[in-house]
């Protein structure tokens, strides 16, 4: 079977450096990498879903091209887990979103809990050898947990008790007294893949509203050009008043190389 996947090449001596070539396979699983250096050991790497494969190759100085065939094995079945979600009153939470990430942001198992608060994930993914599940429910603080999967016939069981979430009404302003419209506001490290956080945008008046936040939540605001970044700062939660964040103008560093 042929798959669409990403393919890259890097010098063996520069492995892990910024130098690389990359492309994607076509519908027939074929790829072409041009302008590869001659006479140097190279590493061809490709990824499909949660699998990664590498192969060392060498283009001799007298070679114009080289054919490399890569074949993925059938991925292993890592087993199953049943996630049981309740609130602080121990009542089941239906409609909670459960997700199990793999090695990249586009590799994930997703599910939703039923009226009894249970959701099942099969053939789960691992991330660098760890199995993780993220649980989100409206009005509750999200959670990230590790688990050890069971078999499909006897899945592992993970009991999750959700704490009540926190909320904020905020407004982002510029130093001139103007609202910062349509800027991204990340919460709880939502700027990074696979966190318990997320992102929202301010409206035309610079306002935003969030709930279902964890306590001690931090915020990062992607400031517009000309303004200093606002990174990983705590803001007051659950208060009756609107929280005002004023973005400072950025310093300018001039130089010549």
C-alpha atoms as a PDB file:
ATOM      1  CA  UNK A   1       0.000   0.000   0.000  1.00  0.00           C
ATOM      2  CA  UNK A   2       1.270   3.486  -0.882  1.00  0.00           C
ATOM      3  CA  UNK A   3       0.836   6.504   1.358  1.00  0.00           C
ATOM      4  CA  UNK A   4       1.193  10.249   1.179  1.00  0.00           C
ATOM      5  CA  UNK A   5       3.869  11.256   3.663  1.00  0.00           C
ATOM      6  CA  UNK A   6       6.574  13.815   4.312  1.00  0.00           C
ATOM      7  CA  UNK A   7      10.146  13.035   3.229  1.00  0.00           C
ATOM      8  CA  UNK A   8      13.352  14.830   4.171  1.00  0.00           C
ATOM      9  CA  UNK A   9      17.102  14.512   3.694  1.00  0.00           C
ATOM     10  CA  UNK A  10      20.009  15.888   5.725  1.00  0.00           C
ATOM     11  CA  UNK A  11      23.782  15.456   5.760  1.00  0.00           C
ATOM     12  CA  UNK A  12      24.993  12.795   8.161  1.00  0.00           C
ATOM     13  CA  UNK A  13      27.579  15.231   9.546  1.00  0.00           C
ATOM     14  CA  UNK A  14      24.886  17.891  10.005  1.00  0.00           C
ATOM     15  CA  UNK A  15      22.234  15.644  11.523  1.00  0.00           C
ATOM     16  CA  UNK A  16      19.983  17.780  13.672  1.00  0.00           C
ATOM     17  CA  UNK A  17      21.170  21.022  12.057  1.00  0.00           C
ATOM     18  CA  UNK A  18      19.131  23.522  10.052  1.00  0.00           C
ATOM     19  CA  UNK A  19      20.381  22.205   6.685  1.00  0.00           C
ATOM     20  CA  UNK A  20      17.843  19.903   5.057  1.00  0.00           C
ATOM     21  CA  UNK A  21      15.720  19.257   1.992  1.00  0.00           C
ATOM     22  CA  UNK A  22      12.094  18.217   2.238  1.00  0.00           C
ATOM     23  CA  UNK A  23       9.132  17.333   0.068  1.00  0.00           C
ATOM     24  CA  UNK A  24       5.931  15.239   0.145  1.00  0.00           C
ATOM     25  CA  UNK A  25       5.100  12.038  -1.665  1.00  0.00           C
ATOM     26  CA  UNK A  26       2.490  12.069  -4.424  1.00  0.00           C
ATOM     27  CA  UNK A  27      -0.554   9.813  -4.733  1.00  0.00           C
ATOM     28  CA  UNK A  28       1.677   6.942  -5.878  1.00  0.00           C
ATOM     29  CA  UNK A  29       3.962   7.261  -2.865  1.00  0.00           C
ATOM     30  CA  UNK A  30       6.793   8.663  -5.000  1.00  0.00           C
ATOM     31  CA  UNK A  31       9.034  11.618  -4.216  1.00  0.00           C
ATOM     32  CA  UNK A  32      11.906  13.571  -5.758  1.00  0.00           C
ATOM     33  CA  UNK A  33      14.559  15.479  -3.790  1.00  0.00           C
ATOM     34  CA  UNK A  34      16.687  17.760  -5.954  1.00  0.00           C
ATOM     35  CA  UNK A  35      20.021  19.515  -5.365  1.00  0.00           C
ATOM     36  CA  UNK A  36      21.269  16.903  -2.907  1.00  0.00           C
ATOM     37  CA  UNK A  37      25.058  17.129  -2.290  1.00  0.00           C
ATOM     38  CA  UNK A  38      27.320  14.571  -3.963  1.00  0.00           C
ATOM     39  CA  UNK A  39      29.915  12.419  -2.235  1.00  0.00           C
ATOM     40  CA  UNK A  40      28.545  12.917   1.265  1.00  0.00           C
ATOM     41  CA  UNK A  41      26.651  10.485   3.526  1.00  0.00           C
ATOM     42  CA  UNK A  42      22.993  11.513   3.656  1.00  0.00           C
ATOM     43  CA  UNK A  43      20.051  10.484   5.823  1.00  0.00           C
ATOM     44  CA  UNK A  44      16.655  10.023   4.158  1.00  0.00           C
ATOM     45  CA  UNK A  45      13.822  10.241   6.686  1.00  0.00           C
ATOM     46  CA  UNK A  46      10.078   9.893   6.243  1.00  0.00           C
ATOM     47  CA  UNK A  47       7.070   9.851   8.523  1.00  0.00           C
ATOM     48  CA  UNK A  48       3.571   8.440   8.167  1.00  0.00           C
ATOM     49  CA  UNK A  49       1.123   8.897  11.002  1.00  0.00           C
ATOM     50  CA  UNK A  50       2.967   7.714  14.113  1.00  0.00           C
ATOM     51  CA  UNK A  51       5.774   5.892  12.284  1.00  0.00           C
ATOM     52  CA  UNK A  52       9.151   7.266  11.313  1.00  0.00           C
ATOM     53  CA  UNK A  53      11.790   5.624   9.120  1.00  0.00           C
ATOM     54  CA  UNK A  54      15.350   6.592   8.198  1.00  0.00           C
ATOM     55  CA  UNK A  55      17.819   5.237   5.665  1.00  0.00           C
ATOM     56  CA  UNK A  56      21.457   6.185   5.109  1.00  0.00           C
ATOM     57  CA  UNK A  57      22.402   6.801   1.459  1.00  0.00           C
ATOM     58  CA  UNK A  58      25.389   8.082  -0.516  1.00  0.00           C
ATOM     59  CA  UNK A  59      25.367   9.860  -3.867  1.00  0.00           C
ATOM     60  CA  UNK A  60      28.734   9.212  -5.491  1.00  0.00           C
ATOM     61  CA  UNK A  61      30.337  12.133  -7.371  1.00  0.00           C
ATOM     62  CA  UNK A  62      29.707  10.336 -10.681  1.00  0.00           C
ATOM     63  CA  UNK A  63      26.010   9.680  -9.921  1.00  0.00           C
ATOM     64  CA  UNK A  64      23.248  11.874 -11.290  1.00  0.00           C
ATOM     65  CA  UNK A  65      20.411  10.205  -9.428  1.00  0.00           C
ATOM     66  CA  UNK A  66      19.655   7.524  -6.851  1.00  0.00           C
ATOM     67  CA  UNK A  67      16.481   5.512  -6.263  1.00  0.00           C
ATOM     68  CA  UNK A  68      15.486   4.847  -2.659  1.00  0.00           C
ATOM     69  CA  UNK A  69      12.508   2.628  -1.790  1.00  0.00           C
ATOM     70  CA  UNK A  70      11.072   2.792   1.724  1.00  0.00           C
ATOM     71  CA  UNK A  71       8.391   0.443   3.058  1.00  0.00           C
ATOM     72  CA  UNK A  72       6.428   0.925   6.261  1.00  0.00           C
ATOM     73  CA  UNK A  73       5.535  -2.117   8.333  1.00  0.00           C
ATOM     74  CA  UNK A  74       2.032  -2.508   9.668  1.00  0.00           C
ATOM     75  CA  UNK A  75       1.875  -0.249  12.746  1.00  0.00           C
ATOM     76  CA  UNK A  76       1.558  -2.034  16.085  1.00  0.00           C
ATOM     77  CA  UNK A  77      -1.732  -2.008  17.960  1.00  0.00           C
ATOM     78  CA  UNK A  78      -0.887  -0.411  21.293  1.00  0.00           C
ATOM     79  CA  UNK A  79      -4.176  -1.353  22.910  1.00  0.00           C
ATOM     80  CA  UNK A  80      -7.173   0.453  24.354  1.00  0.00           C
ATOM     81  CA  UNK A  81      -8.308   2.608  27.247  1.00  0.00           C
ATOM     82  CA  UNK A  82     -11.681   3.560  28.720  1.00  0.00           C
ATOM     83  CA  UNK A  83     -11.730   7.039  30.251  1.00  0.00           C
ATOM     84  CA  UNK A  84     -14.340   7.673  32.959  1.00  0.00           C
ATOM     85  CA  UNK A  85     -14.891  11.388  33.614  1.00  0.00           C
ATOM     86  CA  UNK A  86     -16.658  12.834  36.654  1.00  0.00           C
ATOM     87  CA  UNK A  87     -16.979  16.245  38.277  1.00  0.00           C
ATOM     88  CA  UNK A  88     -16.011  17.229  41.830  1.00  0.00           C
ATOM     89  CA  UNK A  89     -19.428  15.920  42.948  1.00  0.00           C
ATOM     90  CA  UNK A  90     -18.492  12.516  41.458  1.00  0.00           C
ATOM     91  CA  UNK A  91     -21.321  12.718  38.938  1.00  0.00           C
ATOM     92  CA  UNK A  92     -20.487  11.584  35.394  1.00  0.00           C
ATOM     93  CA  UNK A  93     -19.761  14.232  32.765  1.00  0.00           C
ATOM     94  CA  UNK A  94     -21.208  13.429  29.364  1.00  0.00           C
ATOM     95  CA  UNK A  95     -19.920  15.124  26.241  1.00  0.00           C
ATOM     96  CA  UNK A  96     -16.357  15.520  27.543  1.00  0.00           C
ATOM     97  CA  UNK A  97     -13.750  15.501  24.788  1.00  0.00           C
ATOM     98  CA  UNK A  98     -10.927  12.985  25.163  1.00  0.00           C
ATOM     99  CA  UNK A  99      -7.873  12.929  22.910  1.00  0.00           C
ATOM    100  CA  UNK A 100      -4.745  10.789  22.667  1.00  0.00           C
ATOM    101  CA  UNK A 101      -1.853  12.389  20.718  1.00  0.00           C
ATOM    102  CA  UNK A 102       0.847  10.711  18.700  1.00  0.00           C
ATOM    103  CA  UNK A 103       4.215  11.937  17.533  1.00  0.00           C
ATOM    104  CA  UNK A 104       2.909  14.981  15.635  1.00  0.00           C
ATOM    105  CA  UNK A 105      -0.015  17.387  15.843  1.00  0.00           C
ATOM    106  CA  UNK A 106      -1.913  15.678  12.992  1.00  0.00           C
ATOM    107  CA  UNK A 107      -1.781  12.237  14.649  1.00  0.00           C
ATOM    108  CA  UNK A 108      -4.466  11.902  17.323  1.00  0.00           C
ATOM    109  CA  UNK A 109      -7.254   9.614  18.533  1.00  0.00           C
ATOM    110  CA  UNK A 110     -10.407  11.433  19.614  1.00  0.00           C
ATOM    111  CA  UNK A 111     -13.532  10.457  21.477  1.00  0.00           C
ATOM    112  CA  UNK A 112     -16.451  11.810  23.502  1.00  0.00           C
ATOM    113  CA  UNK A 113     -17.842  10.529  26.784  1.00  0.00           C
ATOM    114  CA  UNK A 114     -21.393   9.178  26.921  1.00  0.00           C
ATOM    115  CA  UNK A 115     -24.097   9.926  29.497  1.00  0.00           C
ATOM    116  CA  UNK A 116     -22.296   7.654  31.971  1.00  0.00           C
ATOM    117  CA  UNK A 117     -19.134   9.719  31.539  1.00  0.00           C
ATOM    118  CA  UNK A 118     -17.271   6.995  29.669  1.00  0.00           C
ATOM    119  CA  UNK A 119     -15.349   7.206  26.411  1.00  0.00           C
ATOM    120  CA  UNK A 120     -13.193   4.566  24.744  1.00  0.00           C
ATOM    121  CA  UNK A 121     -10.066   4.961  22.623  1.00  0.00           C
ATOM    122  CA  UNK A 122      -8.696   2.020  20.630  1.00  0.00           C
ATOM    123  CA  UNK A 123      -5.312   1.446  18.990  1.00  0.00           C
ATOM    124  CA  UNK A 124      -3.908   4.319  21.024  1.00  0.00           C
ATOM    125  CA  UNK A 125      -0.840   6.333  20.069  1.00  0.00           C
ATOM    126  CA  UNK A 126       2.314   6.857  22.054  1.00  0.00           C
ATOM    127  CA  UNK A 127       4.399  10.027  22.165  1.00  0.00           C
ATOM    128  CA  UNK A 128       8.084   9.253  22.663  1.00  0.00           C
ATOM    129  CA  UNK A 129       7.170   6.087  24.523  1.00  0.00           C
ATOM    130  CA  UNK A 130       4.502   7.674  26.734  1.00  0.00           C
ATOM    131  CA  UNK A 131       0.742   7.296  26.412  1.00  0.00           C
ATOM    132  CA  UNK A 132      -1.194  10.442  27.226  1.00  0.00           C
ATOM    133  CA  UNK A 133      -4.819  11.530  27.234  1.00  0.00           C
ATOM    134  CA  UNK A 134      -6.220  15.061  27.352  1.00  0.00           C
ATOM    135  CA  UNK A 135      -9.686  15.642  28.817  1.00  0.00           C
ATOM    136  CA  UNK A 136     -11.773  18.763  28.229  1.00  0.00           C
ATOM    137  CA  UNK A 137     -15.311  19.587  29.323  1.00  0.00           C
ATOM    138  CA  UNK A 138     -17.244  22.852  29.331  1.00  0.00           C
ATOM    139  CA  UNK A 139     -17.062  24.535  32.719  1.00  0.00           C
ATOM    140  CA  UNK A 140     -14.214  22.361  34.005  1.00  0.00           C
ATOM    141  CA  UNK A 141     -10.437  22.741  34.063  1.00  0.00           C
ATOM    142  CA  UNK A 142      -8.768  20.543  31.414  1.00  0.00           C
ATOM    143  CA  UNK A 143      -6.471  17.705  32.422  1.00  0.00           C
ATOM    144  CA  UNK A 144      -3.502  15.891  30.926  1.00  0.00           C
ATOM    145  CA  UNK A 145      -2.802  12.369  32.212  1.00  0.00           C
ATOM    146  CA  UNK A 146      -0.475   9.459  31.488  1.00  0.00           C
ATOM    147  CA  UNK A 147      -1.815   5.928  31.249  1.00  0.00           C
ATOM    148  CA  UNK A 148      -0.789   2.373  30.445  1.00  0.00           C
ATOM    149  CA  UNK A 149      -3.101   0.875  27.812  1.00  0.00           C
ATOM    150  CA  UNK A 150      -4.731  -2.526  28.116  1.00  0.00           C
ATOM    151  CA  UNK A 151      -5.703  -4.900  25.355  1.00  0.00           C
ATOM    152  CA  UNK A 152      -8.701  -4.437  23.085  1.00  0.00           C
ATOM    153  CA  UNK A 153     -10.422  -7.288  24.932  1.00  0.00           C
ATOM    154  CA  UNK A 154      -9.517  -5.896  28.356  1.00  0.00           C
ATOM    155  CA  UNK A 155      -8.920  -2.147  28.010  1.00  0.00           C
ATOM    156  CA  UNK A 156      -7.281  -0.115  30.746  1.00  0.00           C
ATOM    157  CA  UNK A 157      -9.551   2.122  32.809  1.00  0.00           C
ATOM    158  CA  UNK A 158      -8.646   5.698  33.643  1.00  0.00           C
ATOM    159  CA  UNK A 159     -10.782   7.577  36.183  1.00  0.00           C
ATOM    160  CA  UNK A 160     -10.608  11.358  35.833  1.00  0.00           C
ATOM    161  CA  UNK A 161     -12.144  13.773  38.327  1.00  0.00           C
ATOM    162  CA  UNK A 162     -12.447  17.239  36.820  1.00  0.00           C
ATOM    163  CA  UNK A 163     -12.143  20.394  38.923  1.00  0.00           C
ATOM    164  CA  UNK A 164     -14.391  23.358  38.250  1.00  0.00           C
ATOM    165  CA  UNK A 165     -12.886  25.744  35.711  1.00  0.00           C
ATOM    166  CA  UNK A 166     -12.060  29.417  36.145  1.00  0.00           C
ATOM    167  CA  UNK A 167     -13.017  32.354  33.939  1.00  0.00           C
ATOM    168  CA  UNK A 168     -11.795  35.751  32.794  1.00  0.00           C
ATOM    169  CA  UNK A 169     -13.173  38.791  31.001  1.00  0.00           C
ATOM    170  CA  UNK A 170     -10.257  40.673  29.502  1.00  0.00           C
ATOM    171  CA  UNK A 171      -9.434  43.565  27.225  1.00  0.00           C
ATOM    172  CA  UNK A 172      -6.170  44.183  25.382  1.00  0.00           C
ATOM    173  CA  UNK A 173      -5.218  47.828  24.826  1.00  0.00           C
ATOM    174  CA  UNK A 174      -2.392  49.644  23.073  1.00  0.00           C
ATOM    175  CA  UNK A 175      -0.407  52.450  24.702  1.00  0.00           C
ATOM    176  CA  UNK A 176      -2.259  55.066  22.635  1.00  0.00           C
ATOM    177  CA  UNK A 177      -5.514  54.066  24.320  1.00  0.00           C
ATOM    178  CA  UNK A 178      -6.695  52.138  21.274  1.00  0.00           C
ATOM    179  CA  UNK A 179      -8.039  48.574  21.550  1.00  0.00           C
ATOM    180  CA  UNK A 180      -5.896  45.752  20.177  1.00  0.00           C
ATOM    181  CA  UNK A 181      -8.388  44.175  17.788  1.00  0.00           C
ATOM    182  CA  UNK A 182      -8.142  40.623  16.449  1.00  0.00           C
ATOM    183  CA  UNK A 183      -4.983  39.647  18.311  1.00  0.00           C
ATOM    184  CA  UNK A 184      -4.422  36.075  19.460  1.00  0.00           C
ATOM    185  CA  UNK A 185      -4.646  35.358  23.176  1.00  0.00           C
ATOM    186  CA  UNK A 186      -3.175  31.992  24.185  1.00  0.00           C
ATOM    187  CA  UNK A 187      -3.938  30.492  27.578  1.00  0.00           C
ATOM    188  CA  UNK A 188      -2.242  27.744  29.583  1.00  0.00           C
ATOM    189  CA  UNK A 189       0.585  27.337  27.030  1.00  0.00           C
ATOM    190  CA  UNK A 190      -1.830  26.962  24.119  1.00  0.00           C
ATOM    191  CA  UNK A 191       0.863  28.324  21.781  1.00  0.00           C
ATOM    192  CA  UNK A 192       2.600  24.947  22.106  1.00  0.00           C
ATOM    193  CA  UNK A 193       1.265  21.719  20.609  1.00  0.00           C
ATOM    194  CA  UNK A 194      -0.420  19.294  22.982  1.00  0.00           C
ATOM    195  CA  UNK A 195      -1.004  21.376  26.044  1.00  0.00           C
ATOM    196  CA  UNK A 196      -4.141  21.791  28.138  1.00  0.00           C
ATOM    197  CA  UNK A 197      -4.468  25.324  26.772  1.00  0.00           C
ATOM    198  CA  UNK A 198      -5.909  26.923  23.677  1.00  0.00           C
ATOM    199  CA  UNK A 199      -6.349  30.217  21.860  1.00  0.00           C
ATOM    200  CA  UNK A 200      -8.945  32.891  21.253  1.00  0.00           C
ATOM    201  CA  UNK A 201      -8.950  36.285  19.498  1.00  0.00           C
ATOM    202  CA  UNK A 202      -9.941  39.700  20.725  1.00  0.00           C
ATOM    203  CA  UNK A 203     -12.946  41.422  19.141  1.00  0.00           C
ATOM    204  CA  UNK A 204     -12.890  44.868  17.523  1.00  0.00           C
ATOM    205  CA  UNK A 205     -12.867  46.455  20.983  1.00  0.00           C
ATOM    206  CA  UNK A 206      -9.966  44.301  22.144  1.00  0.00           C
ATOM    207  CA  UNK A 207     -12.168  42.204  24.412  1.00  0.00           C
ATOM    208  CA  UNK A 208     -12.068  38.455  25.032  1.00  0.00           C
ATOM    209  CA  UNK A 209     -13.866  36.041  27.346  1.00  0.00           C
ATOM    210  CA  UNK A 210     -12.699  32.614  28.454  1.00  0.00           C
ATOM    211  CA  UNK A 211     -13.954  29.971  30.849  1.00  0.00           C
ATOM    212  CA  UNK A 212     -12.997  26.375  31.683  1.00  0.00           C
ATOM    213  CA  UNK A 213      -9.506  27.555  32.681  1.00  0.00           C
ATOM    214  CA  UNK A 214      -7.174  25.856  35.190  1.00  0.00           C
ATOM    215  CA  UNK A 215      -6.063  27.761  38.250  1.00  0.00           C
ATOM    216  CA  UNK A 216      -2.688  29.513  37.949  1.00  0.00           C
ATOM    217  CA  UNK A 217      -3.340  29.832  34.221  1.00  0.00           C
ATOM    218  CA  UNK A 218      -0.826  31.896  32.250  1.00  0.00           C
ATOM    219  CA  UNK A 219      -1.506  33.973  29.146  1.00  0.00           C
ATOM    220  CA  UNK A 220       0.524  34.855  26.068  1.00  0.00           C
ATOM    221  CA  UNK A 221      -0.645  37.599  23.713  1.00  0.00           C
ATOM    222  CA  UNK A 222       0.746  37.865  20.205  1.00  0.00           C
ATOM    223  CA  UNK A 223       1.264  41.603  20.033  1.00  0.00           C
ATOM    224  CA  UNK A 224       0.871  43.512  16.755  1.00  0.00           C
ATOM    225  CA  UNK A 225       3.994  44.887  15.018  1.00  0.00           C
ATOM    226  CA  UNK A 226       5.724  47.615  17.006  1.00  0.00           C
ATOM    227  CA  UNK A 227       4.666  46.280  20.414  1.00  0.00           C
ATOM    228  CA  UNK A 228       6.552  44.188  22.930  1.00  0.00           C
ATOM    229  CA  UNK A 229       5.508  40.559  23.411  1.00  0.00           C
ATOM    230  CA  UNK A 230       3.360  39.557  26.357  1.00  0.00           C
ATOM    231  CA  UNK A 231       4.444  36.058  27.330  1.00  0.00           C
ATOM    232  CA  UNK A 232       3.425  33.568  30.025  1.00  0.00           C
ATOM    233  CA  UNK A 233       1.905  36.119  32.390  1.00  0.00           C
ATOM    234  CA  UNK A 234      -0.710  35.425  35.026  1.00  0.00           C
ATOM    235  CA  UNK A 235      -3.905  37.458  35.074  1.00  0.00           C
ATOM    236  CA  UNK A 236      -6.616  37.747  37.708  1.00  0.00           C
ATOM    237  CA  UNK A 237      -9.318  35.090  37.321  1.00  0.00           C
ATOM    238  CA  UNK A 238     -12.968  34.901  38.415  1.00  0.00           C
ATOM    239  CA  UNK A 239     -13.210  38.595  39.256  1.00  0.00           C
ATOM    240  CA  UNK A 240     -16.275  40.733  38.506  1.00  0.00           C
ATOM    241  CA  UNK A 241     -14.240  43.433  36.767  1.00  0.00           C
ATOM    242  CA  UNK A 242     -12.742  43.352  33.298  1.00  0.00           C
ATOM    243  CA  UNK A 243      -8.980  42.669  33.308  1.00  0.00           C
ATOM    244  CA  UNK A 244      -7.082  45.270  31.270  1.00  0.00           C
ATOM    245  CA  UNK A 245      -3.812  44.361  29.563  1.00  0.00           C
ATOM    246  CA  UNK A 246      -1.875  47.265  28.009  1.00  0.00           C
ATOM    247  CA  UNK A 247       0.795  46.332  25.483  1.00  0.00           C
ATOM    248  CA  UNK A 248       3.991  48.393  25.611  1.00  0.00           C
ATOM    249  CA  UNK A 249       5.799  49.625  22.528  1.00  0.00           C
ATOM    250  CA  UNK A 250       8.804  47.542  21.543  1.00  0.00           C
ATOM    251  CA  UNK A 251      12.403  48.698  21.792  1.00  0.00           C
ATOM    252  CA  UNK A 252      14.381  48.963  18.561  1.00  0.00           C
ATOM    253  CA  UNK A 253      17.842  47.441  18.183  1.00  0.00           C
ATOM    254  CA  UNK A 254      19.891  48.815  15.308  1.00  0.00           C
ATOM    255  CA  UNK A 255      23.106  47.357  14.040  1.00  0.00           C
ATOM    256  CA  UNK A 256      25.264  46.570  11.110  1.00  0.00           C
ATOM    257  CA  UNK A 257      27.002  43.323  10.239  1.00  0.00           C
END
